């Protein structure tokens, strides 16, 4: 993943662990990630990261879904 996409707060998927993480910073060659709901940080190789898609954000519990969509009122 390109460095300019790895801003603090970006939501990414660590393809090595298949976990969604929020970028917290960098430490040497690694990007520090934390689960969106909080928890222990882990170090990830930036080459193994990709942006989280809408479905992954939803499953991680950080994507707001319009109420009409949830209730089936479209």
PDB file of N, CA and C in Angstrom:
ATOM      1  N   UNK A   1       0.846  -1.160   0.000  1.00  0.00           N
ATOM      2  CA  UNK A   1       0.000   0.000   0.000  1.00  0.00           C
ATOM      3  C   UNK A   1       0.898   1.232   0.000  1.00  0.00           C
ATOM      4  N   UNK A   2       0.499   2.271  -0.712  1.00  0.00           N
ATOM      5  CA  UNK A   2       1.304   3.477  -0.817  1.00  0.00           C
ATOM      6  C   UNK A   2       1.313   4.243   0.499  1.00  0.00           C
ATOM      7  N   UNK A   3       2.438   4.860   0.793  1.00  0.00           N
ATOM      8  CA  UNK A   3       2.620   5.582   2.051  1.00  0.00           C
ATOM      9  C   UNK A   3       1.569   6.667   2.254  1.00  0.00           C
ATOM     10  N   UNK A   4       1.153   7.358   1.183  1.00  0.00           N
ATOM     11  CA  UNK A   4       0.175   8.440   1.344  1.00  0.00           C
ATOM     12  C   UNK A   4      -1.209   7.924   1.726  1.00  0.00           C
ATOM     13  N   UNK A   5      -1.474   6.634   1.563  1.00  0.00           N
ATOM     14  CA  UNK A   5      -2.748   6.044   1.962  1.00  0.00           C
ATOM     15  C   UNK A   5      -2.716   5.569   3.417  1.00  0.00           C
ATOM     16  N   UNK A   6      -1.565   5.631   4.029  1.00  0.00           N
ATOM     17  CA  UNK A   6      -1.398   5.115   5.389  1.00  0.00           C
ATOM     18  C   UNK A   6      -1.403   6.229   6.426  1.00  0.00           C
ATOM     19  N   UNK A   7      -2.316   7.167   6.293  1.00  0.00           N
ATOM     20  CA  UNK A   7      -2.427   8.255   7.264  1.00  0.00           C
ATOM     21  C   UNK A   7      -3.038   7.731   8.556  1.00  0.00           C
ATOM     22  N   UNK A   8      -2.700   8.383   9.649  1.00  0.00           N
ATOM     23  CA  UNK A   8      -3.222   7.994  10.964  1.00  0.00           C
ATOM     24  C   UNK A   8      -4.752   8.083  10.925  1.00  0.00           C
ATOM     25  N   UNK A   9      -5.399   7.010  11.331  1.00  0.00           N
ATOM     26  CA  UNK A   9      -6.856   6.935  11.320  1.00  0.00           C
ATOM     27  C   UNK A   9      -7.414   6.156  10.142  1.00  0.00           C
ATOM     28  N   UNK A  10      -6.596   5.893   9.126  1.00  0.00           N
ATOM     29  CA  UNK A  10      -7.059   5.121   7.971  1.00  0.00           C
ATOM     30  C   UNK A  10      -7.396   3.702   8.401  1.00  0.00           C
ATOM     31  N   UNK A  11      -8.436   3.133   7.807  1.00  0.00           N
ATOM     32  CA  UNK A  11      -8.816   1.748   8.093  1.00  0.00           C
ATOM     33  C   UNK A  11      -8.304   0.859   6.983  1.00  0.00           C
ATOM     34  N   UNK A  12      -7.550  -0.139   7.374  1.00  0.00           N
ATOM     35  CA  UNK A  12      -6.894  -1.013   6.417  1.00  0.00           C
ATOM     36  C   UNK A  12      -7.081  -2.470   6.815  1.00  0.00           C
ATOM     37  N   UNK A  13      -6.788  -3.353   5.875  1.00  0.00           N
ATOM     38  CA  UNK A  13      -6.792  -4.790   6.152  1.00  0.00           C
ATOM     39  C   UNK A  13      -5.353  -5.280   6.069  1.00  0.00           C
ATOM     40  N   UNK A  14      -4.931  -5.957   7.115  1.00  0.00           N
ATOM     41  CA  UNK A  14      -3.630  -6.618   7.137  1.00  0.00           C
ATOM     42  C   UNK A  14      -3.842  -7.974   6.460  1.00  0.00           C
ATOM     43  N   UNK A  15      -3.376  -8.109   5.232  1.00  0.00           N
ATOM     44  CA  UNK A  15      -3.643  -9.334   4.470  1.00  0.00           C
ATOM     45  C   UNK A  15      -2.883 -10.539   5.024  1.00  0.00           C
ATOM     46  N   UNK A  16      -1.895 -10.292   5.849  1.00  0.00           N
ATOM     47  CA  UNK A  16      -1.172 -11.393   6.465  1.00  0.00           C
ATOM     48  C   UNK A  16      -1.995 -12.049   7.567  1.00  0.00           C
ATOM     49  N   UNK A  17      -2.745 -11.228   8.326  1.00  0.00           N
ATOM     50  CA  UNK A  17      -3.542 -11.754   9.441  1.00  0.00           C
ATOM     51  C   UNK A  17      -5.043 -11.722   9.163  1.00  0.00           C
ATOM     52  N   UNK A  18      -5.454 -11.059   8.066  1.00  0.00           N
ATOM     53  CA  UNK A  18      -6.861 -10.887   7.692  1.00  0.00           C
ATOM     54  C   UNK A  18      -7.632 -10.086   8.741  1.00  0.00           C
ATOM     55  N   UNK A  19      -6.949  -9.166   9.414  1.00  0.00           N
ATOM     56  CA  UNK A  19      -7.587  -8.326  10.425  1.00  0.00           C
ATOM     57  C   UNK A  19      -7.744  -6.901   9.914  1.00  0.00           C
ATOM     58  N   UNK A  20      -8.846  -6.266  10.298  1.00  0.00           N
ATOM     59  CA  UNK A  20      -9.053  -4.853  10.002  1.00  0.00           C
ATOM     60  C   UNK A  20      -8.402  -4.056  11.122  1.00  0.00           C
ATOM     61  N   UNK A  21      -7.648  -3.026  10.738  1.00  0.00           N
ATOM     62  CA  UNK A  21      -6.991  -2.203  11.735  1.00  0.00           C
ATOM     63  C   UNK A  21      -7.027  -0.733  11.387  1.00  0.00           C
ATOM     64  N   UNK A  22      -6.900   0.069  12.401  1.00  0.00           N
ATOM     65  CA  UNK A  22      -6.833   1.526  12.255  1.00  0.00           C
ATOM     66  C   UNK A  22      -5.364   1.913  12.374  1.00  0.00           C
ATOM     67  N   UNK A  23      -4.868   2.673  11.407  1.00  0.00           N
ATOM     68  CA  UNK A  23      -3.466   3.093  11.432  1.00  0.00           C
ATOM     69  C   UNK A  23      -3.251   4.036  12.614  1.00  0.00           C
ATOM     70  N   UNK A  24      -2.283   3.679  13.460  1.00  0.00           N
ATOM     71  CA  UNK A  24      -1.963   4.484  14.638  1.00  0.00           C
ATOM     72  C   UNK A  24      -0.641   5.231  14.464  1.00  0.00           C
ATOM     73  N   UNK A  25       0.202   4.765  13.557  1.00  0.00           N
ATOM     74  CA  UNK A  25       1.502   5.399  13.344  1.00  0.00           C
ATOM     75  C   UNK A  25       2.457   4.443  12.663  1.00  0.00           C
ATOM     76  N   UNK A  26       3.724   4.845  12.671  1.00  0.00           N
ATOM     77  CA  UNK A  26       4.775   4.018  12.075  1.00  0.00           C
ATOM     78  C   UNK A  26       5.891   3.843  13.091  1.00  0.00           C
ATOM     79  N   UNK A  27       6.520   2.706  13.045  1.00  0.00           N
ATOM     80  CA  UNK A  27       7.672   2.419  13.886  1.00  0.00           C
ATOM     81  C   UNK A  27       8.678   1.685  13.011  1.00  0.00           C
ATOM     82  N   UNK A  28       9.722   2.381  12.619  1.00  0.00           N
ATOM     83  CA  UNK A  28      10.703   1.794  11.714  1.00  0.00           C
ATOM     84  C   UNK A  28      10.027   1.432  10.400  1.00  0.00           C
ATOM     85  N   UNK A  29      10.235   0.210   9.918  1.00  0.00           N
ATOM     86  CA  UNK A  29       9.642  -0.183   8.634  1.00  0.00           C
ATOM     87  C   UNK A  29       8.181  -0.629   8.745  1.00  0.00           C
ATOM     88  N   UNK A  30       7.642  -0.655   9.956  1.00  0.00           N
ATOM     89  CA  UNK A  30       6.303  -1.201  10.174  1.00  0.00           C
ATOM     90  C   UNK A  30       5.252  -0.115  10.400  1.00  0.00           C
ATOM     91  N   UNK A  31       4.007  -0.477  10.128  1.00  0.00           N
ATOM     92  CA  UNK A  31       2.855   0.366  10.420  1.00  0.00           C
ATOM     93  C   UNK A  31       2.197  -0.226  11.654  1.00  0.00           C
ATOM     94  N   UNK A  32       1.867   0.618  12.607  1.00  0.00           N
ATOM     95  CA  UNK A  32       1.207   0.150  13.819  1.00  0.00           C
ATOM     96  C   UNK A  32      -0.298   0.256  13.633  1.00  0.00           C
ATOM     97  N   UNK A  33      -0.975  -0.869  13.861  1.00  0.00           N
ATOM     98  CA  UNK A  33      -2.423  -0.953  13.706  1.00  0.00           C
ATOM     99  C   UNK A  33      -3.065  -1.309  15.034  1.00  0.00           C
ATOM    100  N   UNK A  34      -4.317  -0.879  15.184  1.00  0.00           N
ATOM    101  CA  UNK A  34      -5.101  -1.227  16.376  1.00  0.00           C
ATOM    102  C   UNK A  34      -6.494  -1.616  15.902  1.00  0.00           C
ATOM    103  N   UNK A  35      -7.132  -2.602  16.523  1.00  0.00           N
ATOM    104  CA  UNK A  35      -8.507  -2.936  16.152  1.00  0.00           C
ATOM    105  C   UNK A  35      -9.394  -1.693  16.257  1.00  0.00           C
ATOM    106  N   UNK A  36     -10.352  -1.492  15.342  1.00  0.00           N
ATOM    107  CA  UNK A  36     -11.203  -0.293  15.357  1.00  0.00           C
ATOM    108  C   UNK A  36     -11.922  -0.043  16.676  1.00  0.00           C
ATOM    109  N   UNK A  37     -12.298  -1.082  17.393  1.00  0.00           N
ATOM    110  CA  UNK A  37     -13.000  -0.912  18.663  1.00  0.00           C
ATOM    111  C   UNK A  37     -12.068  -0.772  19.852  1.00  0.00           C
ATOM    112  N   UNK A  38     -10.776  -0.736  19.586  1.00  0.00           N
ATOM    113  CA  UNK A  38      -9.778  -0.665  20.655  1.00  0.00           C
ATOM    114  C   UNK A  38      -9.134  -2.020  20.862  1.00  0.00           C
ATOM    115  N   UNK A  39      -8.079  -2.031  21.586  1.00  0.00           N
ATOM    116  CA  UNK A  39      -7.374  -3.279  21.848  1.00  0.00           C
ATOM    117  C   UNK A  39      -5.885  -3.113  21.622  1.00  0.00           C
ATOM    118  N   UNK A  40      -5.222  -4.220  21.589  1.00  0.00           N
ATOM    119  CA  UNK A  40      -3.771  -4.242  21.487  1.00  0.00           C
ATOM    120  C   UNK A  40      -3.301  -3.944  20.066  1.00  0.00           C
ATOM    121  N   UNK A  41      -2.317  -3.059  19.957  1.00  0.00           N
ATOM    122  CA  UNK A  41      -1.726  -2.737  18.651  1.00  0.00           C
ATOM    123  C   UNK A  41      -0.864  -3.893  18.164  1.00  0.00           C
ATOM    124  N   UNK A  42      -0.709  -3.940  16.849  1.00  0.00           N
ATOM    125  CA  UNK A  42       0.232  -4.891  16.261  1.00  0.00           C
ATOM    126  C   UNK A  42       0.965  -4.199  15.132  1.00  0.00           C
ATOM    127  N   UNK A  43       2.135  -4.713  14.822  1.00  0.00           N
ATOM    128  CA  UNK A  43       2.949  -4.179  13.743  1.00  0.00           C
ATOM    129  C   UNK A  43       2.651  -4.937  12.468  1.00  0.00           C
ATOM    130  N   UNK A  44       2.548  -4.189  11.368  1.00  0.00           N
ATOM    131  CA  UNK A  44       2.246  -4.808  10.073  1.00  0.00           C
ATOM    132  C   UNK A  44       3.210  -4.281   9.020  1.00  0.00           C
ATOM    133  N   UNK A  45       3.500  -5.130   8.079  1.00  0.00           N
ATOM    134  CA  UNK A  45       4.318  -4.756   6.932  1.00  0.00           C
ATOM    135  C   UNK A  45       3.443  -3.918   5.994  1.00  0.00           C
ATOM    136  N   UNK A  46       3.845  -2.692   5.638  1.00  0.00           N
ATOM    137  CA  UNK A  46       3.005  -1.861   4.780  1.00  0.00           C
ATOM    138  C   UNK A  46       2.708  -2.493   3.420  1.00  0.00           C
ATOM    139  N   UNK A  47       3.578  -3.395   2.959  1.00  0.00           N
ATOM    140  CA  UNK A  47       3.335  -4.079   1.689  1.00  0.00           C
ATOM    141  C   UNK A  47       2.204  -5.099   1.790  1.00  0.00           C
ATOM    142  N   UNK A  48       1.808  -5.444   3.014  1.00  0.00           N
ATOM    143  CA  UNK A  48       0.755  -6.428   3.235  1.00  0.00           C
ATOM    144  C   UNK A  48      -0.585  -5.772   3.590  1.00  0.00           C
ATOM    145  N   UNK A  49      -0.687  -4.454   3.410  1.00  0.00           N
ATOM    146  CA  UNK A  49      -1.906  -3.733   3.764  1.00  0.00           C
ATOM    147  C   UNK A  49      -2.661  -3.288   2.536  1.00  0.00           C
ATOM    148  N   UNK A  50      -3.985  -3.210   2.677  1.00  0.00           N
ATOM    149  CA  UNK A  50      -4.849  -2.654   1.625  1.00  0.00           C
ATOM    150  C   UNK A  50      -5.993  -1.921   2.315  1.00  0.00           C
ATOM    151  N   UNK A  51      -6.613  -0.961   1.613  1.00  0.00           N
ATOM    152  CA  UNK A  51      -7.740  -0.249   2.225  1.00  0.00           C
ATOM    153  C   UNK A  51      -8.885  -1.209   2.547  1.00  0.00           C
ATOM    154  N   UNK A  52      -9.556  -0.983   3.665  1.00  0.00           N
ATOM    155  CA  UNK A  52     -10.729  -1.788   4.033  1.00  0.00           C
ATOM    156  C   UNK A  52     -11.895  -1.376   3.139  1.00  0.00           C
ATOM    157  N   UNK A  53     -12.642  -2.357   2.619  1.00  0.00           N
ATOM    158  CA  UNK A  53     -13.818  -2.029   1.799  1.00  0.00           C
ATOM    159  C   UNK A  53     -15.030  -1.805   2.720  1.00  0.00           C
ATOM    160  N   UNK A  54     -16.134  -1.386   2.136  1.00  0.00           N
ATOM    161  CA  UNK A  54     -17.328  -1.060   2.922  1.00  0.00           C
ATOM    162  C   UNK A  54     -17.815  -2.243   3.764  1.00  0.00           C
ATOM    163  N   UNK A  55     -17.802  -3.447   3.206  1.00  0.00           N
ATOM    164  CA  UNK A  55     -18.244  -4.631   3.941  1.00  0.00           C
ATOM    165  C   UNK A  55     -17.357  -4.918   5.140  1.00  0.00           C
ATOM    166  N   UNK A  56     -16.053  -4.748   4.962  1.00  0.00           N
ATOM    167  CA  UNK A  56     -15.117  -4.978   6.067  1.00  0.00           C
ATOM    168  C   UNK A  56     -15.295  -3.924   7.156  1.00  0.00           C
ATOM    169  N   UNK A  57     -15.555  -2.695   6.749  1.00  0.00           N
ATOM    170  CA  UNK A  57     -15.814  -1.636   7.733  1.00  0.00           C
ATOM    171  C   UNK A  57     -17.093  -1.938   8.509  1.00  0.00           C
ATOM    172  N   UNK A  58     -18.108  -2.403   7.806  1.00  0.00           N
ATOM    173  CA  UNK A  58     -19.379  -2.738   8.457  1.00  0.00           C
ATOM    174  C   UNK A  58     -19.180  -3.870   9.461  1.00  0.00           C
ATOM    175  N   UNK A  59     -18.469  -4.915   9.050  1.00  0.00           N
ATOM    176  CA  UNK A  59     -18.218  -6.044   9.953  1.00  0.00           C
ATOM    177  C   UNK A  59     -17.375  -5.626  11.160  1.00  0.00           C
ATOM    178  N   UNK A  60     -16.514  -4.642  10.962  1.00  0.00           N
ATOM    179  CA  UNK A  60     -15.677  -4.161  12.066  1.00  0.00           C
ATOM    180  C   UNK A  60     -16.462  -3.242  12.998  1.00  0.00           C
ATOM    181  N   UNK A  61     -17.686  -2.871  12.577  1.00  0.00           N
ATOM    182  CA  UNK A  61     -18.549  -2.069  13.427  1.00  0.00           C
ATOM    183  C   UNK A  61     -18.279  -0.583  13.383  1.00  0.00           C
ATOM    184  N   UNK A  62     -17.638  -0.095  12.320  1.00  0.00           N
ATOM    185  CA  UNK A  62     -17.317   1.322  12.280  1.00  0.00           C
ATOM    186  C   UNK A  62     -17.966   2.048  11.107  1.00  0.00           C
ATOM    187  N   UNK A  63     -18.794   1.378  10.360  1.00  0.00           N
ATOM    188  CA  UNK A  63     -19.483   2.022   9.246  1.00  0.00           C
ATOM    189  C   UNK A  63     -20.919   2.282   9.650  1.00  0.00           C
ATOM    190  N   UNK A  64     -21.356   3.512   9.498  1.00  0.00           N
ATOM    191  CA  UNK A  64     -22.739   3.839   9.806  1.00  0.00           C
ATOM    192  C   UNK A  64     -23.616   3.468   8.620  1.00  0.00           C
ATOM    193  N   UNK A  65     -24.701   2.791   8.892  1.00  0.00           N
ATOM    194  CA  UNK A  65     -25.637   2.372   7.861  1.00  0.00           C
ATOM    195  C   UNK A  65     -26.916   3.180   8.032  1.00  0.00           C
ATOM    196  N   UNK A  66     -27.441   3.763   6.955  1.00  0.00           N
ATOM    197  CA  UNK A  66     -28.690   4.513   7.087  1.00  0.00           C
ATOM    198  C   UNK A  66     -29.799   3.646   7.670  1.00  0.00           C
ATOM    199  N   UNK A  67     -30.584   4.207   8.581  1.00  0.00           N
ATOM    200  CA  UNK A  67     -31.654   3.473   9.246  1.00  0.00           C
ATOM    201  C   UNK A  67     -32.641   2.889   8.249  1.00  0.00           C
ATOM    202  N   UNK A  68     -32.964   3.611   7.190  1.00  0.00           N
ATOM    203  CA  UNK A  68     -33.916   3.122   6.189  1.00  0.00           C
ATOM    204  C   UNK A  68     -33.393   1.843   5.548  1.00  0.00           C
ATOM    205  N   UNK A  69     -32.094   1.732   5.357  1.00  0.00           N
ATOM    206  CA  UNK A  69     -31.503   0.539   4.771  1.00  0.00           C
ATOM    207  C   UNK A  69     -31.654  -0.649   5.725  1.00  0.00           C
ATOM    208  N   UNK A  70     -31.401  -0.410   6.981  1.00  0.00           N
ATOM    209  CA  UNK A  70     -31.486  -1.481   7.989  1.00  0.00           C
ATOM    210  C   UNK A  70     -32.907  -1.985   8.116  1.00  0.00           C
ATOM    211  N   UNK A  71     -33.878  -1.073   8.080  1.00  0.00           N
ATOM    212  CA  UNK A  71     -35.275  -1.453   8.232  1.00  0.00           C
ATOM    213  C   UNK A  71     -35.904  -1.920   6.923  1.00  0.00           C
ATOM    214  N   UNK A  72     -35.161  -1.869   5.835  1.00  0.00           N
ATOM    215  CA  UNK A  72     -35.698  -2.293   4.544  1.00  0.00           C
ATOM    216  C   UNK A  72     -36.558  -1.250   3.876  1.00  0.00           C
ATOM    217  N   UNK A  73     -36.498  -0.020   4.320  1.00  0.00           N
ATOM    218  CA  UNK A  73     -37.281   1.053   3.725  1.00  0.00           C
ATOM    219  C   UNK A  73     -36.383   1.789   2.739  1.00  0.00           C
ATOM    220  N   UNK A  74     -36.432   1.410   1.499  1.00  0.00           N
ATOM    221  CA  UNK A  74     -35.558   2.060   0.529  1.00  0.00           C
ATOM    222  C   UNK A  74     -36.334   2.917  -0.432  1.00  0.00           C
TER     223      UNK A  74
END
